[in-house]
Amino acid sequence: MGKIANEIKNLTGDRDMTLKELAQKIGEVQNKKYSLASLSQKLRKETISYKEVKLIAQILGYKISFIDLQGRYLNSK
């Protein structure tokens, strides 16, 4: 798996959540079916969208920030 997959797996582990539980929560928030197989495939192939990554961060209680080399930062909302 790629770097994003490892990051998401670590973050879910920090929240005592499995990828299956995460996939279920994504489906609940989107009000549509979202399976573990779909999530796993996107992570494995590194085709997960930025929108999905933002949603995952929100579900896990994180926020994505961009930090430039001059020390300023932009927060993703």
PDB file of N, CA and C in Angstrom:
ATOM      1  N   MET A   1       0.838  -1.185   0.000  1.00  0.00           N
ATOM      2  CA  MET A   1       0.000   0.000   0.000  1.00  0.00           C
ATOM      3  C   MET A   1       0.878   1.241   0.000  1.00  0.00           C
ATOM      4  N   GLY A   2       0.303   2.323  -0.493  1.00  0.00           N
ATOM      5  CA  GLY A   2       1.042   3.567  -0.594  1.00  0.00           C
ATOM      6  C   GLY A   2       1.037   4.363   0.696  1.00  0.00           C
ATOM      7  N   LYS A   3       1.664   5.505   0.627  1.00  0.00           N
ATOM      8  CA  LYS A   3       1.815   6.364   1.798  1.00  0.00           C
ATOM      9  C   LYS A   3       0.461   6.814   2.359  1.00  0.00           C
ATOM     10  N   ILE A   4      -0.464   7.227   1.496  1.00  0.00           N
ATOM     11  CA  ILE A   4      -1.766   7.689   1.984  1.00  0.00           C
ATOM     12  C   ILE A   4      -2.492   6.556   2.700  1.00  0.00           C
ATOM     13  N   ALA A   5      -2.377   5.355   2.191  1.00  0.00           N
ATOM     14  CA  ALA A   5      -3.022   4.208   2.832  1.00  0.00           C
ATOM     15  C   ALA A   5      -2.452   3.987   4.222  1.00  0.00           C
ATOM     16  N   ASN A   6      -1.142   4.061   4.344  1.00  0.00           N
ATOM     17  CA  ASN A   6      -0.520   3.872   5.652  1.00  0.00           C
ATOM     18  C   ASN A   6      -0.922   4.976   6.619  1.00  0.00           C
ATOM     19  N   GLU A   7      -0.985   6.211   6.121  1.00  0.00           N
ATOM     20  CA  GLU A   7      -1.391   7.335   6.973  1.00  0.00           C
ATOM     21  C   GLU A   7      -2.818   7.126   7.494  1.00  0.00           C
ATOM     22  N   ILE A   8      -3.723   6.756   6.610  1.00  0.00           N
ATOM     23  CA  ILE A   8      -5.117   6.562   7.012  1.00  0.00           C
ATOM     24  C   ILE A   8      -5.240   5.378   7.965  1.00  0.00           C
ATOM     25  N   LYS A   9      -4.517   4.310   7.704  1.00  0.00           N
ATOM     26  CA  LYS A   9      -4.545   3.164   8.615  1.00  0.00           C
ATOM     27  C   LYS A   9      -4.026   3.553  10.000  1.00  0.00           C
ATOM     28  N   ASN A  10      -2.966   4.352  10.045  1.00  0.00           N
ATOM     29  CA  ASN A  10      -2.436   4.809  11.332  1.00  0.00           C
ATOM     30  C   ASN A  10      -3.432   5.707  12.060  1.00  0.00           C
ATOM     31  N   LEU A  11      -4.072   6.608  11.318  1.00  0.00           N
ATOM     32  CA  LEU A  11      -5.037   7.518  11.938  1.00  0.00           C
ATOM     33  C   LEU A  11      -6.257   6.771  12.465  1.00  0.00           C
ATOM     34  N   THR A  12      -6.742   5.792  11.701  1.00  0.00           N
ATOM     35  CA  THR A  12      -7.890   5.021  12.193  1.00  0.00           C
ATOM     36  C   THR A  12      -7.490   4.226  13.429  1.00  0.00           C
ATOM     37  N   GLY A  13      -6.283   3.688  13.424  1.00  0.00           N
ATOM     38  CA  GLY A  13      -5.793   2.958  14.594  1.00  0.00           C
ATOM     39  C   GLY A  13      -5.700   3.847  15.818  1.00  0.00           C
ATOM     40  N   ASP A  14      -5.264   5.099  15.609  1.00  0.00           N
ATOM     41  CA  ASP A  14      -5.187   6.052  16.715  1.00  0.00           C
ATOM     42  C   ASP A  14      -6.563   6.332  17.319  1.00  0.00           C
ATOM     43  N   ARG A  15      -7.595   6.175  16.512  1.00  0.00           N
ATOM     44  CA  ARG A  15      -8.976   6.417  16.971  1.00  0.00           C
ATOM     45  C   ARG A  15      -9.691   5.112  17.315  1.00  0.00           C
ATOM     46  N   ASP A  16      -8.938   4.019  17.400  1.00  0.00           N
ATOM     47  CA  ASP A  16      -9.504   2.700  17.697  1.00  0.00           C
ATOM     48  C   ASP A  16     -10.650   2.352  16.754  1.00  0.00           C
ATOM     49  N   MET A  17     -10.423   2.608  15.476  1.00  0.00           N
ATOM     50  CA  MET A  17     -11.429   2.348  14.448  1.00  0.00           C
ATOM     51  C   MET A  17     -10.797   1.458  13.382  1.00  0.00           C
ATOM     52  N   THR A  18     -11.579   0.557  12.836  1.00  0.00           N
ATOM     53  CA  THR A  18     -11.107  -0.277  11.734  1.00  0.00           C
ATOM     54  C   THR A  18     -11.431   0.418  10.410  1.00  0.00           C
ATOM     55  N   LEU A  19     -10.792  -0.042   9.347  1.00  0.00           N
ATOM     56  CA  LEU A  19     -11.124   0.486   8.025  1.00  0.00           C
ATOM     57  C   LEU A  19     -12.566   0.154   7.653  1.00  0.00           C
ATOM     58  N   LYS A  20     -13.054  -0.989   8.111  1.00  0.00           N
ATOM     59  CA  LYS A  20     -14.449  -1.349   7.850  1.00  0.00           C
ATOM     60  C   LYS A  20     -15.396  -0.344   8.512  1.00  0.00           C
ATOM     61  N   GLU A  21     -15.107   0.003   9.760  1.00  0.00           N
ATOM     62  CA  GLU A  21     -15.934   1.000  10.461  1.00  0.00           C
ATOM     63  C   GLU A  21     -15.842   2.357   9.773  1.00  0.00           C
ATOM     64  N   LEU A  22     -14.652   2.702   9.314  1.00  0.00           N
ATOM     65  CA  LEU A  22     -14.476   3.964   8.597  1.00  0.00           C
ATOM     66  C   LEU A  22     -15.305   3.976   7.322  1.00  0.00           C
ATOM     67  N   ALA A  23     -15.262   2.893   6.562  1.00  0.00           N
ATOM     68  CA  ALA A  23     -16.048   2.803   5.331  1.00  0.00           C
ATOM     69  C   ALA A  23     -17.536   2.947   5.624  1.00  0.00           C
ATOM     70  N   GLN A  24     -18.010   2.326   6.708  1.00  0.00           N
ATOM     71  CA  GLN A  24     -19.422   2.446   7.089  1.00  0.00           C
ATOM     72  C   GLN A  24     -19.773   3.896   7.411  1.00  0.00           C
ATOM     73  N   LYS A  25     -18.888   4.588   8.127  1.00  0.00           N
ATOM     74  CA  LYS A  25     -19.145   5.986   8.487  1.00  0.00           C
ATOM     75  C   LYS A  25     -19.132   6.884   7.249  1.00  0.00           C
ATOM     76  N   ILE A  26     -18.236   6.606   6.313  1.00  0.00           N
ATOM     77  CA  ILE A  26     -18.216   7.375   5.061  1.00  0.00           C
ATOM     78  C   ILE A  26     -19.554   7.204   4.354  1.00  0.00           C
ATOM     79  N   GLY A  27     -20.047   5.981   4.277  1.00  0.00           N
ATOM     80  CA  GLY A  27     -21.337   5.715   3.653  1.00  0.00           C
ATOM     81  C   GLY A  27     -22.474   6.433   4.349  1.00  0.00           C
ATOM     82  N   GLU A  28     -22.443   6.455   5.681  1.00  0.00           N
ATOM     83  CA  GLU A  28     -23.488   7.147   6.445  1.00  0.00           C
ATOM     84  C   GLU A  28     -23.487   8.637   6.142  1.00  0.00           C
ATOM     85  N   VAL A  29     -22.303   9.247   6.139  1.00  0.00           N
ATOM     86  CA  VAL A  29     -22.198  10.690   5.890  1.00  0.00           C
ATOM     87  C   VAL A  29     -22.635  11.026   4.467  1.00  0.00           C
ATOM     88  N   GLN A  30     -22.248  10.182   3.511  1.00  0.00           N
ATOM     89  CA  GLN A  30     -22.600  10.423   2.110  1.00  0.00           C
ATOM     90  C   GLN A  30     -24.000   9.933   1.766  1.00  0.00           C
ATOM     91  N   ASN A  31     -24.621   9.229   2.708  1.00  0.00           N
ATOM     92  CA  ASN A  31     -25.949   8.670   2.505  1.00  0.00           C
ATOM     93  C   ASN A  31     -25.999   7.767   1.263  1.00  0.00           C
ATOM     94  N   LYS A  32     -24.947   6.960   1.124  1.00  0.00           N
ATOM     95  CA  LYS A  32     -24.907   5.980   0.044  1.00  0.00           C
ATOM     96  C   LYS A  32     -23.980   4.846   0.456  1.00  0.00           C
ATOM     97  N   LYS A  33     -24.070   3.754  -0.266  1.00  0.00           N
ATOM     98  CA  LYS A  33     -23.255   2.582   0.061  1.00  0.00           C
ATOM     99  C   LYS A  33     -21.786   2.877  -0.212  1.00  0.00           C
ATOM    100  N   TYR A  34     -20.955   2.575   0.750  1.00  0.00           N
ATOM    101  CA  TYR A  34     -19.503   2.740   0.622  1.00  0.00           C
ATOM    102  C   TYR A  34     -18.894   1.558   1.346  1.00  0.00           C
ATOM    103  N   SER A  35     -18.300   0.654   0.600  1.00  0.00           N
ATOM    104  CA  SER A  35     -17.845  -0.609   1.180  1.00  0.00           C
ATOM    105  C   SER A  35     -16.369  -0.567   1.560  1.00  0.00           C
ATOM    106  N   LEU A  36     -15.995  -1.507   2.405  1.00  0.00           N
ATOM    107  CA  LEU A  36     -14.595  -1.692   2.755  1.00  0.00           C
ATOM    108  C   LEU A  36     -13.793  -2.023   1.506  1.00  0.00           C
ATOM    109  N   ALA A  37     -14.348  -2.834   0.625  1.00  0.00           N
ATOM    110  CA  ALA A  37     -13.653  -3.203  -0.609  1.00  0.00           C
ATOM    111  C   ALA A  37     -13.355  -1.970  -1.454  1.00  0.00           C
ATOM    112  N   SER A  38     -14.313  -1.067  -1.541  1.00  0.00           N
ATOM    113  CA  SER A  38     -14.128   0.166  -2.313  1.00  0.00           C
ATOM    114  C   SER A  38     -13.032   1.028  -1.695  1.00  0.00           C
ATOM    115  N   LEU A  39     -13.093   1.204  -0.382  1.00  0.00           N
ATOM    116  CA  LEU A  39     -12.081   2.000   0.309  1.00  0.00           C
ATOM    117  C   LEU A  39     -10.710   1.369   0.155  1.00  0.00           C
ATOM    118  N   SER A  40     -10.616   0.071   0.366  1.00  0.00           N
ATOM    119  CA  SER A  40      -9.338  -0.625   0.264  1.00  0.00           C
ATOM    120  C   SER A  40      -8.747  -0.511  -1.136  1.00  0.00           C
ATOM    121  N   GLN A  41      -9.590  -0.650  -2.147  1.00  0.00           N
ATOM    122  CA  GLN A  41      -9.120  -0.550  -3.527  1.00  0.00           C
ATOM    123  C   GLN A  41      -8.591   0.852  -3.820  1.00  0.00           C
ATOM    124  N   LYS A  42      -9.305   1.863  -3.378  1.00  0.00           N
ATOM    125  CA  LYS A  42      -8.856   3.239  -3.606  1.00  0.00           C
ATOM    126  C   LYS A  42      -7.536   3.507  -2.888  1.00  0.00           C
ATOM    127  N   LEU A  43      -7.380   2.974  -1.693  1.00  0.00           N
ATOM    128  CA  LEU A  43      -6.135   3.162  -0.963  1.00  0.00           C
ATOM    129  C   LEU A  43      -4.994   2.390  -1.637  1.00  0.00           C
ATOM    130  N   ARG A  44      -5.272   1.176  -2.055  1.00  0.00           N
ATOM    131  CA  ARG A  44      -4.244   0.344  -2.673  1.00  0.00           C
ATOM    132  C   ARG A  44      -3.774   0.948  -3.996  1.00  0.00           C
ATOM    133  N   LYS A  45      -4.727   1.437  -4.790  1.00  0.00           N
ATOM    134  CA  LYS A  45      -4.391   1.996  -6.099  1.00  0.00           C
ATOM    135  C   LYS A  45      -4.028   3.479  -6.033  1.00  0.00           C
ATOM    136  N   GLU A  46      -4.156   4.059  -4.854  1.00  0.00           N
ATOM    137  CA  GLU A  46      -3.904   5.485  -4.625  1.00  0.00           C
ATOM    138  C   GLU A  46      -4.774   6.350  -5.536  1.00  0.00           C
ATOM    139  N   THR A  47      -6.058   5.988  -5.616  1.00  0.00           N
ATOM    140  CA  THR A  47      -7.009   6.745  -6.429  1.00  0.00           C
ATOM    141  C   THR A  47      -8.056   7.452  -5.571  1.00  0.00           C
ATOM    142  N   ILE A  48      -7.836   7.491  -4.277  1.00  0.00           N
ATOM    143  CA  ILE A  48      -8.781   8.152  -3.383  1.00  0.00           C
ATOM    144  C   ILE A  48      -8.750   9.657  -3.662  1.00  0.00           C
ATOM    145  N   SER A  49      -9.913  10.267  -3.690  1.00  0.00           N
ATOM    146  CA  SER A  49      -9.983  11.690  -4.023  1.00  0.00           C
ATOM    147  C   SER A  49      -9.664  12.553  -2.799  1.00  0.00           C
ATOM    148  N   TYR A  50      -9.286  13.776  -3.073  1.00  0.00           N
ATOM    149  CA  TYR A  50      -9.013  14.728  -1.999  1.00  0.00           C
ATOM    150  C   TYR A  50     -10.275  14.952  -1.161  1.00  0.00           C
ATOM    151  N   LYS A  51     -11.415  14.993  -1.835  1.00  0.00           N
ATOM    152  CA  LYS A  51     -12.696  15.167  -1.134  1.00  0.00           C
ATOM    153  C   LYS A  51     -12.916  14.033  -0.129  1.00  0.00           C
ATOM    154  N   GLU A  52     -12.602  12.807  -0.537  1.00  0.00           N
ATOM    155  CA  GLU A  52     -12.752  11.661   0.363  1.00  0.00           C
ATOM    156  C   GLU A  52     -11.753  11.728   1.519  1.00  0.00           C
ATOM    157  N   VAL A  53     -10.535  12.164   1.237  1.00  0.00           N
ATOM    158  CA  VAL A  53      -9.531  12.290   2.288  1.00  0.00           C
ATOM    159  C   VAL A  53      -9.966  13.350   3.300  1.00  0.00           C
ATOM    160  N   LYS A  54     -10.524  14.466   2.817  1.00  0.00           N
ATOM    161  CA  LYS A  54     -11.040  15.495   3.731  1.00  0.00           C
ATOM    162  C   LYS A  54     -12.161  14.937   4.598  1.00  0.00           C
ATOM    163  N   LEU A  55     -13.037  14.144   4.000  1.00  0.00           N
ATOM    164  CA  LEU A  55     -14.132  13.538   4.751  1.00  0.00           C
ATOM    165  C   LEU A  55     -13.603  12.570   5.798  1.00  0.00           C
ATOM    166  N   ILE A  56     -12.621  11.777   5.427  1.00  0.00           N
ATOM    167  CA  ILE A  56     -12.010  10.846   6.381  1.00  0.00           C
ATOM    168  C   ILE A  56     -11.401  11.615   7.545  1.00  0.00           C
ATOM    169  N   ALA A  57     -10.692  12.692   7.248  1.00  0.00           N
ATOM    170  CA  ALA A  57     -10.101  13.515   8.310  1.00  0.00           C
ATOM    171  C   ALA A  57     -11.192  14.032   9.235  1.00  0.00           C
ATOM    172  N   GLN A  58     -12.277  14.503   8.671  1.00  0.00           N
ATOM    173  CA  GLN A  58     -13.392  15.023   9.476  1.00  0.00           C
ATOM    174  C   GLN A  58     -13.977  13.926  10.363  1.00  0.00           C
ATOM    175  N   ILE A  59     -14.214  12.766   9.801  1.00  0.00           N
ATOM    176  CA  ILE A  59     -14.783  11.651  10.564  1.00  0.00           C
ATOM    177  C   ILE A  59     -13.872  11.269  11.722  1.00  0.00           C
ATOM    178  N   LEU A  60     -12.569  11.308  11.478  1.00  0.00           N
ATOM    179  CA  LEU A  60     -11.604  10.915  12.513  1.00  0.00           C
ATOM    180  C   LEU A  60     -11.252  12.046  13.469  1.00  0.00           C
ATOM    181  N   GLY A  61     -11.795  13.231  13.221  1.00  0.00           N
ATOM    182  CA  GLY A  61     -11.547  14.354  14.116  1.00  0.00           C
ATOM    183  C   GLY A  61     -10.240  15.075  13.852  1.00  0.00           C
ATOM    184  N   TYR A  62      -9.820  15.083  12.581  1.00  0.00           N
ATOM    185  CA  TYR A  62      -8.600  15.785  12.179  1.00  0.00           C
ATOM    186  C   TYR A  62      -8.949  16.879  11.184  1.00  0.00           C
ATOM    187  N   LYS A  63      -7.979  17.747  10.947  1.00  0.00           N
ATOM    188  CA  LYS A  63      -8.103  18.797   9.953  1.00  0.00           C
ATOM    189  C   LYS A  63      -6.832  18.755   9.113  1.00  0.00           C
ATOM    190  N   ILE A  64      -6.966  18.977   7.830  1.00  0.00           N
ATOM    191  CA  ILE A  64      -5.816  18.978   6.926  1.00  0.00           C
ATOM    192  C   ILE A  64      -5.286  20.402   6.829  1.00  0.00           C
ATOM    193  N   SER A  65      -3.994  20.564   6.980  1.00  0.00           N
ATOM    194  CA  SER A  65      -3.350  21.874   6.847  1.00  0.00           C
ATOM    195  C   SER A  65      -2.215  21.787   5.846  1.00  0.00           C
ATOM    196  N   PHE A  66      -2.070  22.866   5.081  1.00  0.00           N
ATOM    197  CA  PHE A  66      -0.935  22.994   4.165  1.00  0.00           C
ATOM    198  C   PHE A  66       0.018  24.003   4.783  1.00  0.00           C
ATOM    199  N   ILE A  67       1.262  23.612   4.927  1.00  0.00           N
ATOM    200  CA  ILE A  67       2.260  24.488   5.526  1.00  0.00           C
ATOM    201  C   ILE A  67       3.313  24.780   4.469  1.00  0.00           C
ATOM    202  N   ASP A  68       3.526  26.077   4.170  1.00  0.00           N
ATOM    203  CA  ASP A  68       4.534  26.405   3.171  1.00  0.00           C
ATOM    204  C   ASP A  68       5.915  26.510   3.819  1.00  0.00           C
ATOM    205  N   LEU A  69       6.910  26.626   3.013  1.00  0.00           N
ATOM    206  CA  LEU A  69       8.285  26.616   3.506  1.00  0.00           C
ATOM    207  C   LEU A  69       8.658  27.880   4.256  1.00  0.00           C
ATOM    208  N   GLN A  70       7.861  28.949   4.129  1.00  0.00           N
ATOM    209  CA  GLN A  70       8.121  30.173   4.878  1.00  0.00           C
ATOM    210  C   GLN A  70       7.400  30.198   6.217  1.00  0.00           C
ATOM    211  N   GLY A  71       6.762  29.093   6.580  1.00  0.00           N
ATOM    212  CA  GLY A  71       6.143  28.982   7.893  1.00  0.00           C
ATOM    213  C   GLY A  71       4.686  29.409   7.963  1.00  0.00           C
ATOM    214  N   ARG A  72       4.129  29.899   6.869  1.00  0.00           N
ATOM    215  CA  ARG A  72       2.697  30.232   6.862  1.00  0.00           C
ATOM    216  C   ARG A  72       1.921  28.950   6.642  1.00  0.00           C
ATOM    217  N   TYR A  73       0.651  28.946   6.976  1.00  0.00           N
ATOM    218  CA  TYR A  73      -0.145  27.752   6.743  1.00  0.00           C
ATOM    219  C   TYR A  73      -1.519  28.132   6.235  1.00  0.00           C
ATOM    220  N   LEU A  74      -2.113  27.205   5.510  1.00  0.00           N
ATOM    221  CA  LEU A  74      -3.483  27.323   5.028  1.00  0.00           C
ATOM    222  C   LEU A  74      -4.242  26.129   5.534  1.00  0.00           C
ATOM    223  N   ASN A  75      -5.373  26.345   6.133  1.00  0.00           N
ATOM    224  CA  ASN A  75      -6.183  25.233   6.648  1.00  0.00           C
ATOM    225  C   ASN A  75      -7.229  24.842   5.625  1.00  0.00           C
ATOM    226  N   SER A  76      -7.411  23.562   5.463  1.00  0.00           N
ATOM    227  CA  SER A  76      -8.462  23.040   4.609  1.00  0.00           C
ATOM    228  C   SER A  76      -9.760  23.041   5.402  1.00  0.00           C
ATOM    229  N   LYS A  77     -10.805  23.560   4.818  1.00  0.00           N
ATOM    230  CA  LYS A  77     -12.091  23.623   5.519  1.00  0.00           C
ATOM    231  C   LYS A  77     -13.080  22.679   4.922  1.00  0.00           C
TER     232      LYS A  77
END
